[in-house]
Amino acid sequence: MSNFSDIMSYIGLSSEEAAVALNVSEDEIVRWCNTSEAPPLHIWQGLVRMLDEIRFSAEEAAKSADLDHLDASDLNRVILMVPGRTASEFAGPKRAATALAVAALARVFV
């Protein structure tokens, strides 16, 4: 495994989705995930943009919640949109953003 693979896993991208999102072949994605060969800088920058889109979506969802009327059962119904073009196209980034938003909102109960 590689750090590239870890980020892909964290974001929730399959190798096929990553190839489409990053405009490279799936073979390159698999190679970067399974060897010590690092992708070029522009590929890392693409992943960082996706991470930023996910983080921004989670933060906006948490900020817009009505904390005075938030119930623990509401945490299971959080649905949000990921505004960035790349991250919004795939289910994994949407799940990652939702998980971060729910974690931020759950802190209200701690």
C-alpha atoms as a PDB file:
ATOM      1  CA  MET A   1       0.000   0.000   0.000  1.00  0.00           C
ATOM      2  CA  SER A   2       0.997   3.597  -0.460  1.00  0.00           C
ATOM      3  CA  ASN A   3      -0.017   7.002   0.830  1.00  0.00           C
ATOM      4  CA  PHE A   4      -1.711   7.497  -2.522  1.00  0.00           C
ATOM      5  CA  SER A   5      -3.734   4.353  -1.880  1.00  0.00           C
ATOM      6  CA  ASP A   6      -4.613   5.528   1.629  1.00  0.00           C
ATOM      7  CA  ILE A   7      -5.935   8.857   0.345  1.00  0.00           C
ATOM      8  CA  MET A   8      -7.944   7.103  -2.360  1.00  0.00           C
ATOM      9  CA  SER A   9      -9.416   4.805   0.270  1.00  0.00           C
ATOM     10  CA  TYR A  10     -10.198   7.722   2.611  1.00  0.00           C
ATOM     11  CA  ILE A  11     -11.959   9.572  -0.192  1.00  0.00           C
ATOM     12  CA  GLY A  12     -13.779   6.389  -1.168  1.00  0.00           C
ATOM     13  CA  LEU A  13     -12.687   6.260  -4.791  1.00  0.00           C
ATOM     14  CA  SER A  14     -12.356   3.037  -6.733  1.00  0.00           C
ATOM     15  CA  SER A  15      -9.415   2.804  -9.118  1.00  0.00           C
ATOM     16  CA  GLU A  16     -11.839   3.195 -12.025  1.00  0.00           C
ATOM     17  CA  GLU A  17     -13.388   6.351 -10.530  1.00  0.00           C
ATOM     18  CA  ALA A  18      -9.968   7.794  -9.729  1.00  0.00           C
ATOM     19  CA  ALA A  19      -8.822   7.206 -13.293  1.00  0.00           C
ATOM     20  CA  VAL A  20     -11.824   9.133 -14.600  1.00  0.00           C
ATOM     21  CA  ALA A  21     -11.532  11.916 -12.010  1.00  0.00           C
ATOM     22  CA  LEU A  22      -7.788  12.364 -12.491  1.00  0.00           C
ATOM     23  CA  ASN A  23      -7.798  11.769 -16.268  1.00  0.00           C
ATOM     24  CA  VAL A  24      -5.289   8.916 -16.261  1.00  0.00           C
ATOM     25  CA  SER A  25      -5.467   5.216 -17.000  1.00  0.00           C
ATOM     26  CA  GLU A  26      -6.732   2.785 -14.404  1.00  0.00           C
ATOM     27  CA  ASP A  27      -3.433   0.891 -14.757  1.00  0.00           C
ATOM     28  CA  GLU A  28      -1.574   3.987 -13.559  1.00  0.00           C
ATOM     29  CA  ILE A  29      -3.876   4.310 -10.551  1.00  0.00           C
ATOM     30  CA  VAL A  30      -3.348   0.646  -9.636  1.00  0.00           C
ATOM     31  CA  ARG A  31       0.425   1.015 -10.036  1.00  0.00           C
ATOM     32  CA  TRP A  32       0.550   4.115  -7.805  1.00  0.00           C
ATOM     33  CA  CYS A  33      -1.575   2.327  -5.194  1.00  0.00           C
ATOM     34  CA  ASN A  34       0.410  -0.894  -5.132  1.00  0.00           C
ATOM     35  CA  THR A  35       4.014   0.202  -5.613  1.00  0.00           C
ATOM     36  CA  SER A  36       6.348   2.809  -4.198  1.00  0.00           C
ATOM     37  CA  GLU A  37       6.129   4.778  -7.449  1.00  0.00           C
ATOM     38  CA  ALA A  38       4.562   8.148  -6.718  1.00  0.00           C
ATOM     39  CA  PRO A  39       2.172   9.886  -9.074  1.00  0.00           C
ATOM     40  CA  PRO A  40       3.095  13.265 -10.566  1.00  0.00           C
ATOM     41  CA  LEU A  41       2.380  16.440  -8.622  1.00  0.00           C
ATOM     42  CA  HIS A  42      -0.746  17.314 -10.639  1.00  0.00           C
ATOM     43  CA  ILE A  43      -2.329  14.022  -9.557  1.00  0.00           C
ATOM     44  CA  TRP A  44      -1.664  14.813  -5.874  1.00  0.00           C
ATOM     45  CA  GLN A  45      -3.130  18.275  -6.462  1.00  0.00           C
ATOM     46  CA  GLY A  46      -6.283  16.686  -7.928  1.00  0.00           C
ATOM     47  CA  LEU A  47      -6.700  14.571  -4.804  1.00  0.00           C
ATOM     48  CA  VAL A  48      -6.150  17.603  -2.582  1.00  0.00           C
ATOM     49  CA  ARG A  49      -8.889  19.474  -4.473  1.00  0.00           C
ATOM     50  CA  MET A  50     -11.251  16.558  -3.853  1.00  0.00           C
ATOM     51  CA  LEU A  51     -10.343  16.482  -0.166  1.00  0.00           C
ATOM     52  CA  ASP A  52     -11.005  20.228   0.018  1.00  0.00           C
ATOM     53  CA  GLU A  53     -14.414  19.781  -1.643  1.00  0.00           C
ATOM     54  CA  ILE A  54     -15.277  17.055   0.874  1.00  0.00           C
ATOM     55  CA  ARG A  55     -14.102  19.109   3.860  1.00  0.00           C
ATOM     56  CA  PHE A  56     -15.930  22.220   2.661  1.00  0.00           C
ATOM     57  CA  SER A  57     -19.180  20.283   2.225  1.00  0.00           C
ATOM     58  CA  ALA A  58     -18.909  18.757   5.687  1.00  0.00           C
ATOM     59  CA  GLU A  59     -18.162  22.115   7.302  1.00  0.00           C
ATOM     60  CA  GLU A  60     -21.058  23.836   5.541  1.00  0.00           C
ATOM     61  CA  ALA A  61     -23.473  21.072   6.536  1.00  0.00           C
ATOM     62  CA  ALA A  62     -22.377  21.251  10.159  1.00  0.00           C
ATOM     63  CA  LYS A  63     -22.598  25.060  10.212  1.00  0.00           C
ATOM     64  CA  SER A  64     -26.080  25.092   8.727  1.00  0.00           C
ATOM     65  CA  ALA A  65     -27.556  22.630  11.228  1.00  0.00           C
ATOM     66  CA  ASP A  66     -30.041  23.909  13.801  1.00  0.00           C
ATOM     67  CA  LEU A  67     -28.097  22.882  16.887  1.00  0.00           C
ATOM     68  CA  ASP A  68     -30.832  24.043  19.279  1.00  0.00           C
ATOM     69  CA  HIS A  69     -33.235  21.479  17.854  1.00  0.00           C
ATOM     70  CA  LEU A  70     -30.793  18.753  16.893  1.00  0.00           C
ATOM     71  CA  ASP A  71     -31.687  15.294  18.120  1.00  0.00           C
ATOM     72  CA  ALA A  72     -29.348  12.303  18.037  1.00  0.00           C
ATOM     73  CA  SER A  73     -31.657  10.554  15.560  1.00  0.00           C
ATOM     74  CA  ASP A  74     -31.098  13.470  13.159  1.00  0.00           C
ATOM     75  CA  LEU A  75     -27.511  12.331  12.716  1.00  0.00           C
ATOM     76  CA  ASN A  76     -28.680   9.321  10.752  1.00  0.00           C
ATOM     77  CA  ARG A  77     -30.558  11.542   8.294  1.00  0.00           C
ATOM     78  CA  VAL A  78     -27.822  13.977   7.272  1.00  0.00           C
ATOM     79  CA  ILE A  79     -27.793  14.360   3.501  1.00  0.00           C
ATOM     80  CA  LEU A  80     -25.543  16.845   1.795  1.00  0.00           C
ATOM     81  CA  MET A  81     -24.333  17.838  -1.600  1.00  0.00           C
ATOM     82  CA  VAL A  82     -20.652  18.087  -2.435  1.00  0.00           C
ATOM     83  CA  PRO A  83     -20.329  21.301  -4.448  1.00  0.00           C
ATOM     84  CA  GLY A  84     -17.106  20.539  -6.299  1.00  0.00           C
ATOM     85  CA  ARG A  85     -17.328  19.105  -9.769  1.00  0.00           C
ATOM     86  CA  THR A  86     -14.986  16.175  -9.218  1.00  0.00           C
ATOM     87  CA  ALA A  87     -15.996  15.006  -5.764  1.00  0.00           C
ATOM     88  CA  SER A  88     -19.716  15.306  -6.471  1.00  0.00           C
ATOM     89  CA  GLU A  89     -19.578  12.819  -9.343  1.00  0.00           C
ATOM     90  CA  PHE A  90     -18.792   9.790  -7.179  1.00  0.00           C
ATOM     91  CA  ALA A  91     -20.487   8.122  -4.222  1.00  0.00           C
ATOM     92  CA  GLY A  92     -17.314   7.698  -2.143  1.00  0.00           C
ATOM     93  CA  PRO A  93     -16.588  11.416  -1.734  1.00  0.00           C
ATOM     94  CA  LYS A  94     -20.245  12.026  -0.851  1.00  0.00           C
ATOM     95  CA  ARG A  95     -20.011   9.350   1.862  1.00  0.00           C
ATOM     96  CA  ALA A  96     -16.763  10.849   3.167  1.00  0.00           C
ATOM     97  CA  ALA A  97     -18.281  14.343   3.365  1.00  0.00           C
ATOM     98  CA  THR A  98     -21.382  13.017   5.097  1.00  0.00           C
ATOM     99  CA  ALA A  99     -19.285  11.082   7.612  1.00  0.00           C
ATOM    100  CA  LEU A 100     -17.265  14.193   8.456  1.00  0.00           C
ATOM    101  CA  ALA A 101     -20.417  16.300   8.816  1.00  0.00           C
ATOM    102  CA  VAL A 102     -22.077  13.733  11.069  1.00  0.00           C
ATOM    103  CA  ALA A 103     -18.923  13.472  13.203  1.00  0.00           C
ATOM    104  CA  ALA A 104     -18.841  17.254  13.595  1.00  0.00           C
ATOM    105  CA  LEU A 105     -22.526  17.355  14.548  1.00  0.00           C
ATOM    106  CA  ALA A 106     -22.174  14.433  16.963  1.00  0.00           C
ATOM    107  CA  ARG A 107     -19.767  16.551  19.013  1.00  0.00           C
ATOM    108  CA  VAL A 108     -22.834  18.533  20.129  1.00  0.00           C
ATOM    109  CA  PHE A 109     -23.810  15.530  22.248  1.00  0.00           C
ATOM    110  CA  VAL A 110     -20.380  14.976  23.806  1.00  0.00           C
END
